[in-house]
């Protein structure tokens, strides 16, 4: 499934990061800043964790500069991390004592859905979609804070 198909994009923010140890926190700060700017405070924690996992995967496996894009649609926020590797990530079956292998499982748990889009230029994008409206305790949802 393609992300945000059939929905209008209301805003898009993008940053390019190098594959060095400071890039994961730069990606987290970038996402938090954009979400706060758009009044989506309820998404900050989940998206910071998701982008941290995707950025770490890009640095560890692709070892190329990577682009983080955050896009707001009618009802969802799309996080995309594009790197220079053609190798598609896969959910790992991490064991209790494993030090890694949980990143995509975490993204899958936090997001509504996620996926990978290979590009004709030999790169790939890993994306995750998040509901824009905060759930209330009664099961309905709140509008974003203006």
Protein backbone atom coordinates (compact mmCIF):
# COMPACT_ATOMS: atom_id res chain seq x y z
CA UNK A 1 0.00 0.00 0.00
CA UNK A 2 1.24 3.48 -0.87
CA UNK A 3 1.14 6.02 1.99
CA UNK A 4 -1.35 8.93 1.93
CA UNK A 5 -2.97 7.74 -1.30
CA UNK A 6 -6.02 9.83 -2.06
CA UNK A 7 -5.37 12.43 0.62
CA UNK A 8 -4.19 15.99 0.26
CA UNK A 9 -0.86 16.96 1.73
CA UNK A 10 -1.20 20.08 3.85
CA UNK A 11 2.44 20.46 4.81
CA UNK A 12 5.79 18.78 4.16
CA UNK A 13 9.12 19.20 5.97
CA UNK A 14 12.37 17.50 5.02
CA UNK A 15 15.95 17.29 6.24
CA UNK A 16 19.00 15.44 4.94
CA UNK A 17 21.30 13.87 7.51
CA UNK A 18 24.70 12.22 7.31
CA UNK A 19 25.30 8.67 8.56
CA UNK A 20 27.05 9.73 11.77
CA UNK A 21 26.20 9.10 15.44
CA UNK A 22 24.56 12.52 15.96
CA UNK A 23 22.00 12.00 13.20
CA UNK A 24 19.53 9.95 15.23
CA UNK A 25 19.06 12.73 17.77
CA UNK A 26 18.96 15.33 14.96
CA UNK A 27 16.16 13.31 13.32
CA UNK A 28 14.27 13.11 16.65
CA UNK A 29 14.61 16.87 17.20
CA UNK A 30 13.55 17.63 13.62
CA UNK A 31 10.38 15.54 13.96
CA UNK A 32 9.51 16.98 17.39
CA UNK A 33 9.95 20.55 16.17
CA UNK A 34 7.69 20.02 13.14
CA UNK A 35 4.98 18.26 15.14
CA UNK A 36 4.95 20.99 17.80
CA UNK A 37 4.75 23.62 15.03
CA UNK A 38 1.63 21.93 13.68
CA UNK A 39 -0.02 21.40 17.09
CA UNK A 40 0.39 17.63 17.03
CA UNK A 41 1.87 17.29 20.50
CA UNK A 42 0.21 13.91 21.10
CA UNK A 43 2.33 12.41 18.28
CA UNK A 44 5.74 13.65 19.44
CA UNK A 45 6.76 10.66 21.57
CA UNK A 46 5.69 7.98 19.08
CA UNK A 47 7.18 9.70 16.05
CA UNK A 48 10.44 10.54 17.84
CA UNK A 49 10.86 6.86 18.69
CA UNK A 50 9.88 5.73 15.18
CA UNK A 51 12.26 8.14 13.42
CA UNK A 52 15.03 7.15 15.82
CA UNK A 53 14.61 3.49 14.84
CA UNK A 54 14.41 4.24 11.10
CA UNK A 55 17.37 6.64 11.20
CA UNK A 56 19.45 4.10 13.12
CA UNK A 57 18.60 1.46 10.51
CA UNK A 58 19.65 3.84 7.71
CA UNK A 59 22.94 4.62 9.43
CA UNK A 60 23.70 1.02 10.40
CA UNK A 61 22.68 -0.75 7.20
CA UNK A 62 22.79 1.75 4.31
CA UNK A 63 25.70 3.84 5.63
CA UNK A 64 24.67 6.65 3.29
CA UNK A 65 23.20 10.09 3.87
CA UNK A 66 19.46 9.80 4.42
CA UNK A 67 16.44 12.06 4.10
CA UNK A 68 13.76 12.36 6.76
CA UNK A 69 10.43 13.66 5.52
CA UNK A 70 7.40 14.48 7.62
CA UNK A 71 4.14 15.09 5.77
CA UNK A 72 0.75 16.06 7.16
CA UNK A 73 -2.40 14.97 5.35
CA UNK A 74 -6.12 15.16 6.06
CA UNK A 75 -6.15 12.51 8.78
CA UNK A 76 -2.61 11.21 9.06
CA UNK A 77 1.03 12.13 9.40
CA UNK A 78 3.52 10.31 7.21
CA UNK A 79 7.11 9.76 8.29
CA UNK A 80 9.53 8.66 5.56
CA UNK A 81 13.23 7.84 5.76
CA UNK A 82 14.97 7.47 2.39
CA UNK A 83 18.49 6.06 2.20
CA UNK A 84 20.94 4.97 -0.49
CA UNK A 85 20.52 1.23 -0.06
CA UNK A 86 18.47 -1.05 -2.28
CA UNK A 87 18.16 -3.68 0.44
CA UNK A 88 14.64 -3.76 1.87
CA UNK A 89 14.39 -4.05 5.65
CA UNK A 90 12.53 -6.94 7.19
CA UNK A 91 10.95 -7.55 10.56
CA UNK A 92 13.39 -9.53 12.68
CA UNK A 93 12.51 -12.17 15.22
CA UNK A 94 14.61 -10.72 18.04
CA UNK A 95 15.21 -12.86 21.09
CA UNK A 96 15.06 -11.55 24.66
CA UNK A 97 18.81 -11.06 25.04
CA UNK A 98 19.46 -9.69 21.53
CA UNK A 99 20.89 -6.16 21.52
CA UNK A 100 19.16 -5.20 18.28
CA UNK A 101 16.61 -6.32 15.74
CA UNK A 102 13.53 -4.66 17.24
CA UNK A 103 13.44 -1.38 15.28
CA UNK A 104 10.85 -2.28 12.66
CA UNK A 105 8.75 -4.12 15.23
CA UNK A 106 8.66 -0.94 17.29
CA UNK A 107 7.69 1.10 14.22
CA UNK A 108 4.98 -1.45 13.39
CA UNK A 109 3.56 -1.22 16.93
CA UNK A 110 3.55 2.59 17.02
CA UNK A 111 2.22 3.32 13.54
CA UNK A 112 -1.10 2.65 11.83
CA UNK A 113 0.85 1.00 9.01
CA UNK A 114 4.31 1.02 7.50
CA UNK A 115 6.03 -0.14 4.36
CA UNK A 116 8.95 0.13 1.98
CA UNK A 117 9.01 1.77 -1.44
CA UNK A 118 11.95 0.88 -3.73
CA UNK A 119 12.96 3.63 -6.15
CA UNK A 120 14.21 3.27 -9.71
CA UNK A 121 17.35 5.20 -8.73
CA UNK A 122 18.54 2.36 -6.48
CA UNK A 123 17.35 3.85 -3.20
CA UNK A 124 14.48 2.95 -0.93
CA UNK A 125 12.09 4.74 1.39
CA UNK A 126 10.74 3.25 4.59
CA UNK A 127 7.52 4.95 5.66
CA UNK A 128 5.16 4.86 8.60
CA UNK A 129 1.72 6.44 8.85
CA UNK A 130 0.25 7.81 12.09
CA UNK A 131 -3.31 8.93 12.86
CA UNK A 132 -3.33 12.71 13.15
CA UNK A 133 -6.17 12.98 15.64
CA UNK A 134 -5.51 12.14 19.26
CA UNK A 135 -7.75 9.45 20.75
CA UNK A 136 -9.93 10.42 23.71
CA UNK A 137 -10.73 8.16 26.60
CA UNK A 138 -14.27 7.72 25.20
CA UNK A 139 -12.92 6.36 21.89
CA UNK A 140 -13.52 9.52 19.83
CA UNK A 141 -10.66 11.66 18.58
CA UNK A 142 -9.47 15.20 19.23
CA UNK A 143 -8.61 17.67 16.50
CA UNK A 144 -4.99 18.88 16.38
CA UNK A 145 -4.22 21.90 18.55
CA UNK A 146 -4.14 25.07 16.35
